[in-house]
PDB file of N, CA and C in Angstrom:
ATOM      1  N   MET A   1     105.269  43.203 111.966  1.00  0.00           N
ATOM      2  CA  MET A   1     104.562  44.132 112.708  1.00  0.00           C
ATOM      3  C   MET A   1     102.958  43.542 112.813  1.00  0.00           C
ATOM      4  N   ASP A   2     102.568  43.350 114.135  1.00  0.00           N
ATOM      5  CA  ASP A   2     101.173  42.707 114.124  1.00  0.00           C
ATOM      6  C   ASP A   2     100.187  43.798 113.786  1.00  0.00           C
ATOM      7  N   THR A   3      98.872  43.417 113.854  1.00  0.00           N
ATOM      8  CA  THR A   3      97.921  44.374 113.438  1.00  0.00           C
ATOM      9  C   THR A   3      97.791  45.367 114.508  1.00  0.00           C
ATOM     10  N   LEU A   4      97.920  45.062 115.745  1.00  0.00           N
ATOM     11  CA  LEU A   4      97.584  46.207 116.631  1.00  0.00           C
ATOM     12  C   LEU A   4      98.617  47.198 116.565  1.00  0.00           C
ATOM     13  N   GLU A   5      99.921  46.756 116.395  1.00  0.00           N
ATOM     14  CA  GLU A   5     101.055  47.571 116.298  1.00  0.00           C
ATOM     15  C   GLU A   5     100.854  48.472 115.080  1.00  0.00           C
ATOM     16  N   ARG A   6     100.388  47.985 114.001  1.00  0.00           N
ATOM     17  CA  ARG A   6     100.197  48.695 112.733  1.00  0.00           C
ATOM     18  C   ARG A   6      99.098  49.762 113.026  1.00  0.00           C
ATOM     19  N   ILE A   7      98.059  49.422 113.694  1.00  0.00           N
ATOM     20  CA  ILE A   7      96.992  50.480 114.094  1.00  0.00           C
ATOM     21  C   ILE A   7      97.532  51.636 114.764  1.00  0.00           C
ATOM     22  N   LYS A   8      98.356  51.215 115.942  1.00  0.00           N
ATOM     23  CA  LYS A   8      98.921  52.261 116.710  1.00  0.00           C
ATOM     24  C   LYS A   8      99.944  53.043 115.835  1.00  0.00           C
ATOM     25  N   GLN A   9     100.663  52.569 115.073  1.00  0.00           N
ATOM     26  CA  GLN A   9     101.571  53.373 114.013  1.00  0.00           C
ATOM     27  C   GLN A   9     100.824  54.234 113.275  1.00  0.00           C
ATOM     28  N   GLN A  10      99.770  53.739 112.584  1.00  0.00           N
ATOM     29  CA  GLN A  10      98.893  54.561 111.661  1.00  0.00           C
ATOM     30  C   GLN A  10      98.363  55.776 112.483  1.00  0.00           C
ATOM     31  N   ILE A  11      97.858  55.546 113.597  1.00  0.00           N
ATOM     32  CA  ILE A  11      97.263  56.568 114.588  1.00  0.00           C
ATOM     33  C   ILE A  11      98.334  57.590 114.855  1.00  0.00           C
ATOM     34  N   ALA A  12      99.563  57.237 115.282  1.00  0.00           N
ATOM     35  CA  ALA A  12     100.515  58.099 115.582  1.00  0.00           C
ATOM     36  C   ALA A  12     101.053  58.909 114.375  1.00  0.00           C
ATOM     37  N   ASP A  13     101.245  58.217 113.204  1.00  0.00           N
ATOM     38  CA  ASP A  13     102.024  58.879 112.119  1.00  0.00           C
ATOM     39  C   ASP A  13     101.013  59.898 111.297  1.00  0.00           C
ATOM     40  N   ASN A  14      99.672  59.873 111.454  1.00  0.00           N
ATOM     41  CA  ASN A  14      98.660  60.557 110.816  1.00  0.00           C
ATOM     42  C   ASN A  14      98.086  61.631 111.643  1.00  0.00           C
ATOM     43  N   THR A  15      98.216  62.860 111.558  1.00  0.00           N
ATOM     44  CA  THR A  15      97.450  63.985 112.313  1.00  0.00           C
ATOM     45  C   THR A  15      95.935  63.701 112.289  1.00  0.00           C
ATOM     46  N   ILE A  16      95.354  63.487 110.914  1.00  0.00           N
ATOM     47  CA  ILE A  16      94.047  63.426 110.754  1.00  0.00           C
ATOM     48  C   ILE A  16      93.810  62.052 110.025  1.00  0.00           C
ATOM     49  N   LEU A  17      93.115  61.002 110.635  1.00  0.00           N
ATOM     50  CA  LEU A  17      93.041  59.802 110.127  1.00  0.00           C
ATOM     51  C   LEU A  17      91.659  59.176 110.108  1.00  0.00           C
ATOM     52  N   ILE A  18      91.113  58.696 109.068  1.00  0.00           N
ATOM     53  CA  ILE A  18      89.630  58.267 109.085  1.00  0.00           C
ATOM     54  C   ILE A  18      89.810  56.613 108.801  1.00  0.00           C
ATOM     55  N   TYR A  19      89.308  55.775 109.563  1.00  0.00           N
ATOM     56  CA  TYR A  19      89.090  54.433 109.132  1.00  0.00           C
ATOM     57  C   TYR A  19      87.746  54.188 108.598  1.00  0.00           C
ATOM     58  N   MET A  20      87.563  53.972 107.303  1.00  0.00           N
ATOM     59  CA  MET A  20      86.279  54.001 106.633  1.00  0.00           C
ATOM     60  C   MET A  20      86.006  52.780 105.715  1.00  0.00           C
ATOM     61  N   LYS A  21      84.846  52.612 105.231  1.00  0.00           N
ATOM     62  CA  LYS A  21      84.656  51.553 104.292  1.00  0.00           C
ATOM     63  C   LYS A  21      84.775  52.159 102.861  1.00  0.00           C
ATOM     64  N   GLY A  22      85.799  51.629 102.195  1.00  0.00           N
ATOM     65  CA  GLY A  22      86.105  52.348 100.863  1.00  0.00           C
ATOM     66  C   GLY A  22      86.967  53.415 100.945  1.00  0.00           C
ATOM     67  N   SER A  23      87.062  54.412 100.103  1.00  0.00           N
ATOM     68  CA  SER A  23      87.783  55.524 100.021  1.00  0.00           C
ATOM     69  C   SER A  23      87.014  56.813  99.946  1.00  0.00           C
ATOM     70  N   PRO A  24      87.513  57.985 100.314  1.00  0.00           N
ATOM     71  CA  PRO A  24      86.919  59.276 100.204  1.00  0.00           C
ATOM     72  C   PRO A  24      86.136  59.395  98.831  1.00  0.00           C
ATOM     73  N   LYS A  25      86.820  58.955  97.658  1.00  0.00           N
ATOM     74  CA  LYS A  25      86.348  59.193  96.360  1.00  0.00           C
ATOM     75  C   LYS A  25      85.368  58.105  95.948  1.00  0.00           C
ATOM     76  N   MET A  26      85.437  56.902  96.650  1.00  0.00           N
ATOM     77  CA  MET A  26      84.541  55.719  96.273  1.00  0.00           C
ATOM     78  C   MET A  26      84.214  55.047  97.717  1.00  0.00           C
ATOM     79  N   PRO A  27      83.458  55.788  98.538  1.00  0.00           N
ATOM     80  CA  PRO A  27      83.041  55.236  99.750  1.00  0.00           C
ATOM     81  C   PRO A  27      82.123  53.938  99.561  1.00  0.00           C
ATOM     82  N   GLN A  28      82.075  53.001 100.357  1.00  0.00           N
ATOM     83  CA  GLN A  28      81.291  51.827 100.179  1.00  0.00           C
ATOM     84  C   GLN A  28      80.217  51.770 101.108  1.00  0.00           C
ATOM     85  N   CYS A  29      79.860  52.732 102.047  1.00  0.00           N
ATOM     86  CA  CYS A  29      78.753  52.873 102.858  1.00  0.00           C
ATOM     87  C   CYS A  29      78.413  54.239 103.006  1.00  0.00           C
ATOM     88  N   GLY A  30      77.174  54.402 103.394  1.00  0.00           N
ATOM     89  CA  GLY A  30      76.546  55.774 103.439  1.00  0.00           C
ATOM     90  C   GLY A  30      77.097  56.526 104.625  1.00  0.00           C
ATOM     91  N   PHE A  31      77.656  55.908 105.782  1.00  0.00           N
ATOM     92  CA  PHE A  31      78.048  56.611 106.745  1.00  0.00           C
ATOM     93  C   PHE A  31      79.541  57.059 106.591  1.00  0.00           C
ATOM     94  N   SER A  32      80.303  56.223 105.893  1.00  0.00           N
ATOM     95  CA  SER A  32      81.655  56.515 105.461  1.00  0.00           C
ATOM     96  C   SER A  32      81.631  57.759 104.489  1.00  0.00           C
ATOM     97  N   ALA A  33      80.673  57.713 103.565  1.00  0.00           N
ATOM     98  CA  ALA A  33      80.420  58.849 102.624  1.00  0.00           C
ATOM     99  C   ALA A  33      80.222  60.055 103.331  1.00  0.00           C
ATOM    100  N   GLN A  34      79.384  60.161 104.127  1.00  0.00           N
ATOM    101  CA  GLN A  34      78.905  61.278 104.858  1.00  0.00           C
ATOM    102  C   GLN A  34      80.068  61.948 105.627  1.00  0.00           C
ATOM    103  N   ALA A  35      80.867  60.987 106.362  1.00  0.00           N
ATOM    104  CA  ALA A  35      81.866  61.458 107.221  1.00  0.00           C
ATOM    105  C   ALA A  35      83.118  62.031 106.423  1.00  0.00           C
ATOM    106  N   SER A  36      83.298  61.159 105.282  1.00  0.00           N
ATOM    107  CA  SER A  36      84.547  61.703 104.461  1.00  0.00           C
ATOM    108  C   SER A  36      84.141  63.024 103.787  1.00  0.00           C
ATOM    109  N   GLN A  37      82.993  63.126 103.461  1.00  0.00           N
ATOM    110  CA  GLN A  37      82.563  64.491 102.659  1.00  0.00           C
ATOM    111  C   GLN A  37      82.726  65.688 103.820  1.00  0.00           C
ATOM    112  N   ALA A  38      82.331  65.457 104.875  1.00  0.00           N
ATOM    113  CA  ALA A  38      82.360  66.523 105.937  1.00  0.00           C
ATOM    114  C   ALA A  38      83.851  66.797 106.249  1.00  0.00           C
ATOM    115  N   ILE A  39      84.637  65.767 106.368  1.00  0.00           N
ATOM    116  CA  ILE A  39      86.116  66.043 106.510  1.00  0.00           C
ATOM    117  C   ILE A  39      86.808  66.743 105.342  1.00  0.00           C
ATOM    118  N   MET A  40      86.367  66.349 104.091  1.00  0.00           N
ATOM    119  CA  MET A  40      87.051  66.908 102.895  1.00  0.00           C
ATOM    120  C   MET A  40      86.634  68.423 102.735  1.00  0.00           C
ATOM    121  N   SER A  41      85.393  68.656 103.151  1.00  0.00           N
ATOM    122  CA  SER A  41      84.821  70.092 103.026  1.00  0.00           C
ATOM    123  C   SER A  41      85.541  71.042 104.080  1.00  0.00           C
ATOM    124  N   CYS A  42      86.418  70.541 105.060  1.00  0.00           N
ATOM    125  CA  CYS A  42      87.083  71.376 105.785  1.00  0.00           C
ATOM    126  C   CYS A  42      88.455  71.720 105.349  1.00  0.00           C
ATOM    127  N   ASP A  43      88.708  71.329 104.203  1.00  0.00           N
ATOM    128  CA  ASP A  43      90.020  71.636 103.492  1.00  0.00           C
ATOM    129  C   ASP A  43      91.264  71.271 104.276  1.00  0.00           C
ATOM    130  N   GLN A  44      91.217  70.317 104.930  1.00  0.00           N
ATOM    131  CA  GLN A  44      92.596  69.818 105.491  1.00  0.00           C
ATOM    132  C   GLN A  44      92.950  68.520 104.959  1.00  0.00           C
ATOM    133  N   GLU A  45      94.228  68.266 104.803  1.00  0.00           N
ATOM    134  CA  GLU A  45      94.783  66.869 104.277  1.00  0.00           C
ATOM    135  C   GLU A  45      94.560  65.983 105.573  1.00  0.00           C
ATOM    136  N   PHE A  46      94.124  64.773 105.039  1.00  0.00           N
ATOM    137  CA  PHE A  46      93.832  63.905 105.858  1.00  0.00           C
ATOM    138  C   PHE A  46      94.190  62.389 105.223  1.00  0.00           C
ATOM    139  N   THR A  47      94.340  61.269 106.161  1.00  0.00           N
ATOM    140  CA  THR A  47      94.645  60.051 105.535  1.00  0.00           C
ATOM    141  C   THR A  47      93.444  59.075 105.823  1.00  0.00           C
ATOM    142  N   TYR A  48      93.294  58.286 104.913  1.00  0.00           N
ATOM    143  CA  TYR A  48      92.295  57.264 105.247  1.00  0.00           C
ATOM    144  C   TYR A  48      92.743  55.802 105.114  1.00  0.00           C
ATOM    145  N   VAL A  49      92.240  54.859 105.932  1.00  0.00           N
ATOM    146  CA  VAL A  49      92.343  53.418 105.727  1.00  0.00           C
ATOM    147  C   VAL A  49      91.167  52.738 105.220  1.00  0.00           C
ATOM    148  N   ASP A  50      90.971  51.947 104.228  1.00  0.00           N
ATOM    149  CA  ASP A  50      89.871  51.293 103.804  1.00  0.00           C
ATOM    150  C   ASP A  50      89.838  49.936 104.539  1.00  0.00           C
ATOM    151  N   ILE A  51      88.906  49.846 105.541  1.00  0.00           N
ATOM    152  CA  ILE A  51      88.901  48.635 106.331  1.00  0.00           C
ATOM    153  C   ILE A  51      88.384  47.374 105.472  1.00  0.00           C
ATOM    154  N   LEU A  52      87.798  47.611 104.533  1.00  0.00           N
ATOM    155  CA  LEU A  52      87.302  46.532 103.669  1.00  0.00           C
ATOM    156  C   LEU A  52      88.483  45.818 102.907  1.00  0.00           C
ATOM    157  N   ALA A  53      89.641  46.621 102.790  1.00  0.00           N
ATOM    158  CA  ALA A  53      90.766  46.028 102.185  1.00  0.00           C
ATOM    159  C   ALA A  53      91.680  45.462 103.156  1.00  0.00           C
ATOM    160  N   ASN A  54      91.367  45.813 104.460  1.00  0.00           N
ATOM    161  CA  ASN A  54      92.209  45.488 105.615  1.00  0.00           C
ATOM    162  C   ASN A  54      91.494  44.915 106.619  1.00  0.00           C
ATOM    163  N   GLN A  55      90.982  43.648 106.215  1.00  0.00           N
ATOM    164  CA  GLN A  55      90.143  42.778 107.245  1.00  0.00           C
ATOM    165  C   GLN A  55      90.744  42.820 108.628  1.00  0.00           C
ATOM    166  N   ASP A  56      92.070  42.541 108.761  1.00  0.00           N
ATOM    167  CA  ASP A  56      92.675  42.481 110.050  1.00  0.00           C
ATOM    168  C   ASP A  56      92.401  43.733 110.874  1.00  0.00           C
ATOM    169  N   ILE A  57      92.626  44.769 110.171  1.00  0.00           N
ATOM    170  CA  ILE A  57      92.431  45.937 110.923  1.00  0.00           C
ATOM    171  C   ILE A  57      90.834  46.303 111.229  1.00  0.00           C
ATOM    172  N   ARG A  58      90.021  45.779 110.409  1.00  0.00           N
ATOM    173  CA  ARG A  58      88.592  45.915 110.601  1.00  0.00           C
ATOM    174  C   ARG A  58      88.170  45.039 111.802  1.00  0.00           C
ATOM    175  N   SER A  59      88.849  43.886 112.081  1.00  0.00           N
ATOM    176  CA  SER A  59      88.362  43.153 113.318  1.00  0.00           C
ATOM    177  C   SER A  59      89.059  43.498 114.558  1.00  0.00           C
ATOM    178  N   GLU A  60      90.377  44.134 114.421  1.00  0.00           N
ATOM    179  CA  GLU A  60      91.194  44.533 115.711  1.00  0.00           C
ATOM    180  C   GLU A  60      90.869  45.838 116.132  1.00  0.00           C
ATOM    181  N   LEU A  61      90.379  46.844 115.135  1.00  0.00           N
ATOM    182  CA  LEU A  61      90.286  48.239 115.786  1.00  0.00           C
ATOM    183  C   LEU A  61      89.151  48.457 116.620  1.00  0.00           C
ATOM    184  N   PRO A  62      88.020  47.861 116.511  1.00  0.00           N
ATOM    185  CA  PRO A  62      86.983  48.178 117.416  1.00  0.00           C
ATOM    186  C   PRO A  62      87.304  47.840 118.909  1.00  0.00           C
ATOM    187  N   GLY A  63      87.963  46.813 119.113  1.00  0.00           N
ATOM    188  CA  GLY A  63      88.456  46.419 120.339  1.00  0.00           C
ATOM    189  C   GLY A  63      89.652  47.350 121.034  1.00  0.00           C
ATOM    190  N   TYR A  64      90.472  47.752 120.113  1.00  0.00           N
ATOM    191  CA  TYR A  64      91.543  48.805 120.696  1.00  0.00           C
ATOM    192  C   TYR A  64      90.874  50.133 120.906  1.00  0.00           C
ATOM    193  N   ALA A  65      89.970  50.630 120.045  1.00  0.00           N
ATOM    194  CA  ALA A  65      89.317  51.947 120.053  1.00  0.00           C
ATOM    195  C   ALA A  65      88.278  52.034 121.125  1.00  0.00           C
ATOM    196  N   ASN A  66      87.760  50.712 121.469  1.00  0.00           N
ATOM    197  CA  ASN A  66      86.451  50.665 122.294  1.00  0.00           C
ATOM    198  C   ASN A  66      85.264  51.430 121.666  1.00  0.00           C
ATOM    199  N   TRP A  67      85.367  51.252 120.309  1.00  0.00           N
ATOM    200  CA  TRP A  67      84.285  51.958 119.506  1.00  0.00           C
ATOM    201  C   TRP A  67      83.920  50.801 118.420  1.00  0.00           C
ATOM    202  N   PRO A  68      82.649  50.410 118.369  1.00  0.00           N
ATOM    203  CA  PRO A  68      82.229  49.223 117.640  1.00  0.00           C
ATOM    204  C   PRO A  68      82.079  49.573 116.210  1.00  0.00           C
ATOM    205  N   THR A  69      81.894  50.663 115.694  1.00  0.00           N
ATOM    206  CA  THR A  69      81.529  51.027 114.311  1.00  0.00           C
ATOM    207  C   THR A  69      82.449  51.555 113.563  1.00  0.00           C
ATOM    208  N   PHE A  70      82.171  51.784 112.271  1.00  0.00           N
ATOM    209  CA  PHE A  70      83.090  52.626 111.279  1.00  0.00           C
ATOM    210  C   PHE A  70      82.020  53.499 110.694  1.00  0.00           C
ATOM    211  N   PRO A  71      82.519  54.665 110.023  1.00  0.00           N
ATOM    212  CA  PRO A  71      83.877  55.271 110.235  1.00  0.00           C
ATOM    213  C   PRO A  71      84.229  55.586 111.731  1.00  0.00           C
ATOM    214  N   GLN A  72      85.586  55.767 111.781  1.00  0.00           N
ATOM    215  CA  GLN A  72      86.131  56.190 113.107  1.00  0.00           C
ATOM    216  C   GLN A  72      87.223  57.434 112.639  1.00  0.00           C
ATOM    217  N   LEU A  73      86.948  58.524 113.312  1.00  0.00           N
ATOM    218  CA  LEU A  73      87.865  59.560 112.931  1.00  0.00           C
ATOM    219  C   LEU A  73      89.048  59.927 114.030  1.00  0.00           C
ATOM    220  N   TRP A  74      90.125  59.760 113.960  1.00  0.00           N
ATOM    221  CA  TRP A  74      91.176  60.124 114.917  1.00  0.00           C
ATOM    222  C   TRP A  74      91.906  61.414 114.474  1.00  0.00           C
ATOM    223  N   VAL A  75      92.080  62.299 115.409  1.00  0.00           N
ATOM    224  CA  VAL A  75      92.657  63.409 115.273  1.00  0.00           C
ATOM    225  C   VAL A  75      93.904  63.619 116.468  1.00  0.00           C
ATOM    226  N   LYS A  76      95.057  63.693 116.036  1.00  0.00           N
ATOM    227  CA  LYS A  76      96.214  63.710 116.742  1.00  0.00           C
ATOM    228  C   LYS A  76      96.316  62.725 117.960  1.00  0.00           C
ATOM    229  N   GLY A  77      96.018  61.496 117.385  1.00  0.00           N
ATOM    230  CA  GLY A  77      96.098  60.202 118.252  1.00  0.00           C
ATOM    231  C   GLY A  77      94.683  59.911 119.219  1.00  0.00           C
ATOM    232  N   GLU A  78      93.698  60.993 118.916  1.00  0.00           N
ATOM    233  CA  GLU A  78      92.606  60.653 119.918  1.00  0.00           C
ATOM    234  C   GLU A  78      91.396  60.320 119.071  1.00  0.00           C
ATOM    235  N   LEU A  79      90.684  59.391 119.482  1.00  0.00           N
ATOM    236  CA  LEU A  79      89.373  59.006 118.765  1.00  0.00           C
ATOM    237  C   LEU A  79      88.397  60.170 118.869  1.00  0.00           C
ATOM    238  N   ILE A  80      87.860  60.651 117.875  1.00  0.00           N
ATOM    239  CA  ILE A  80      86.760  61.761 117.763  1.00  0.00           C
ATOM    240  C   ILE A  80      85.512  61.027 117.937  1.00  0.00           C
ATOM    241  N   GLY A  81      85.231  59.974 117.078  1.00  0.00           N
ATOM    242  CA  GLY A  81      84.077  59.448 117.019  1.00  0.00           C
ATOM    243  C   GLY A  81      83.614  58.913 115.602  1.00  0.00           C
ATOM    244  N   GLY A  82      82.484  58.601 115.289  1.00  0.00           N
ATOM    245  CA  GLY A  82      81.926  57.916 114.180  1.00  0.00           C
ATOM    246  C   GLY A  82      81.029  58.959 113.503  1.00  0.00           C
ATOM    247  N   CYS A  83      80.220  58.480 112.497  1.00  0.00           N
ATOM    248  CA  CYS A  83      79.510  59.281 111.521  1.00  0.00           C
ATOM    249  C   CYS A  83      78.724  60.465 112.269  1.00  0.00           C
ATOM    250  N   ASP A  84      77.940  60.000 113.289  1.00  0.00           N
ATOM    251  CA  ASP A  84      76.874  61.103 113.858  1.00  0.00           C
ATOM    252  C   ASP A  84      77.852  62.018 114.574  1.00  0.00           C
ATOM    253  N   ILE A  85      78.771  61.735 115.247  1.00  0.00           N
ATOM    254  CA  ILE A  85      79.605  62.773 116.092  1.00  0.00           C
ATOM    255  C   ILE A  85      80.226  63.714 114.985  1.00  0.00           C
ATOM    256  N   ILE A  86      80.804  63.049 114.016  1.00  0.00           N
ATOM    257  CA  ILE A  86      81.439  63.955 112.902  1.00  0.00           C
ATOM    258  C   ILE A  86      80.442  64.917 112.262  1.00  0.00           C
ATOM    259  N   MET A  87      79.262  64.437 111.888  1.00  0.00           N
ATOM    260  CA  MET A  87      78.426  65.202 111.234  1.00  0.00           C
ATOM    261  C   MET A  87      77.811  66.251 112.248  1.00  0.00           C
ATOM    262  N   GLU A  88      77.692  66.060 113.448  1.00  0.00           N
ATOM    263  CA  GLU A  88      77.067  67.052 114.590  1.00  0.00           C
ATOM    264  C   GLU A  88      78.150  67.983 114.582  1.00  0.00           C
ATOM    265  N   MET A  89      79.392  67.673 114.735  1.00  0.00           N
ATOM    266  CA  MET A  89      80.624  68.601 114.762  1.00  0.00           C
ATOM    267  C   MET A  89      80.620  69.475 113.512  1.00  0.00           C
ATOM    268  N   TYR A  90      80.386  68.829 112.471  1.00  0.00           N
ATOM    269  CA  TYR A  90      80.628  69.608 111.202  1.00  0.00           C
ATOM    270  C   TYR A  90      79.317  70.662 110.966  1.00  0.00           C
ATOM    271  N   GLN A  91      78.249  70.245 111.508  1.00  0.00           N
ATOM    272  CA  GLN A  91      77.067  71.171 111.437  1.00  0.00           C
ATOM    273  C   GLN A  91      77.296  72.428 112.334  1.00  0.00           C
ATOM    274  N   LYS A  92      77.968  72.167 113.466  1.00  0.00           N
ATOM    275  CA  LYS A  92      78.176  73.229 114.567  1.00  0.00           C
ATOM    276  C   LYS A  92      79.347  73.975 114.213  1.00  0.00           C
ATOM    277  N   GLY A  93      80.141  73.675 113.318  1.00  0.00           N
ATOM    278  CA  GLY A  93      81.363  74.352 112.736  1.00  0.00           C
ATOM    279  C   GLY A  93      82.637  73.998 113.643  1.00  0.00           C
ATOM    280  N   GLU A  94      82.408  72.943 114.476  1.00  0.00           N
ATOM    281  CA  GLU A  94      83.608  72.491 115.431  1.00  0.00           C
ATOM    282  C   GLU A  94      84.478  71.623 114.758  1.00  0.00           C
ATOM    283  N   LEU A  95      84.041  70.846 113.746  1.00  0.00           N
ATOM    284  CA  LEU A  95      84.952  69.965 112.873  1.00  0.00           C
ATOM    285  C   LEU A  95      86.124  70.832 112.227  1.00  0.00           C
ATOM    286  N   LYS A  96      85.561  71.721 111.471  1.00  0.00           N
ATOM    287  CA  LYS A  96      86.671  72.609 110.920  1.00  0.00           C
ATOM    288  C   LYS A  96      87.745  73.198 111.860  1.00  0.00           C
ATOM    289  N   SER A  97      87.145  73.753 112.998  1.00  0.00           N
ATOM    290  CA  SER A  97      88.246  74.285 113.875  1.00  0.00           C
ATOM    291  C   SER A  97      89.084  73.196 114.554  1.00  0.00           C
ATOM    292  N   LEU A  98      88.402  72.142 114.838  1.00  0.00           N
ATOM    293  CA  LEU A  98      89.308  70.864 115.277  1.00  0.00           C
ATOM    294  C   LEU A  98      90.538  70.660 114.389  1.00  0.00           C
ATOM    295  N   LEU A  99      90.140  70.419 113.157  1.00  0.00           N
ATOM    296  CA  LEU A  99      90.877  70.019 112.088  1.00  0.00           C
ATOM    297  C   LEU A  99      91.967  71.130 111.665  1.00  0.00           C
ATOM    298  N   GLU A 100      91.555  72.238 111.688  1.00  0.00           N
ATOM    299  CA  GLU A 100      92.412  73.501 111.522  1.00  0.00           C
ATOM    300  C   GLU A 100      93.524  73.488 112.641  1.00  0.00           C
ATOM    301  N   GLU A 101      93.048  73.336 113.743  1.00  0.00           N
ATOM    302  CA  GLU A 101      94.018  73.425 114.966  1.00  0.00           C
ATOM    303  C   GLU A 101      94.858  72.383 114.839  1.00  0.00           C
ATOM    304  N   ALA A 102      94.659  71.237 114.651  1.00  0.00           N
ATOM    305  CA  ALA A 102      95.324  69.942 114.555  1.00  0.00           C
ATOM    306  C   ALA A 102      96.510  70.273 113.728  1.00  0.00           C
ATOM    307  N   THR A 103      96.192  70.759 112.436  1.00  0.00           N
ATOM    308  CA  THR A 103      97.232  70.816 111.418  1.00  0.00           C
ATOM    309  C   THR A 103      98.086  72.090 111.409  1.00  0.00           C
ATOM    310  N   ALA A 104      97.690  73.002 112.390  1.00  0.00           N
ATOM    311  CA  ALA A 104      98.423  74.347 112.490  1.00  0.00           C
ATOM    312  C   ALA A 104      99.777  74.245 113.028  1.00  0.00           C
TER     313      ALA A 104
END
């Protein structure tokens, strides 16, 4: 399976997916730390992919997503956005609603 197929498969197989630097418990950048904390505080199960451990995904995903930076939050196959969008949605209470709806 090539990298693009793997990315598509990950997005299709996981209701809530974040591509980030590091892991939620050990993030490797401030933006990934903020984004994963916001998602964790919504009390919904999610999957993450550490792009630092997956260089092929790190290089391919921005082109596929048409989004140049990480983290990237995907919900039900749709790109929600990066750290700024995640944090804005979290502060407005929209992130929790979106994630609850996605897993309902």
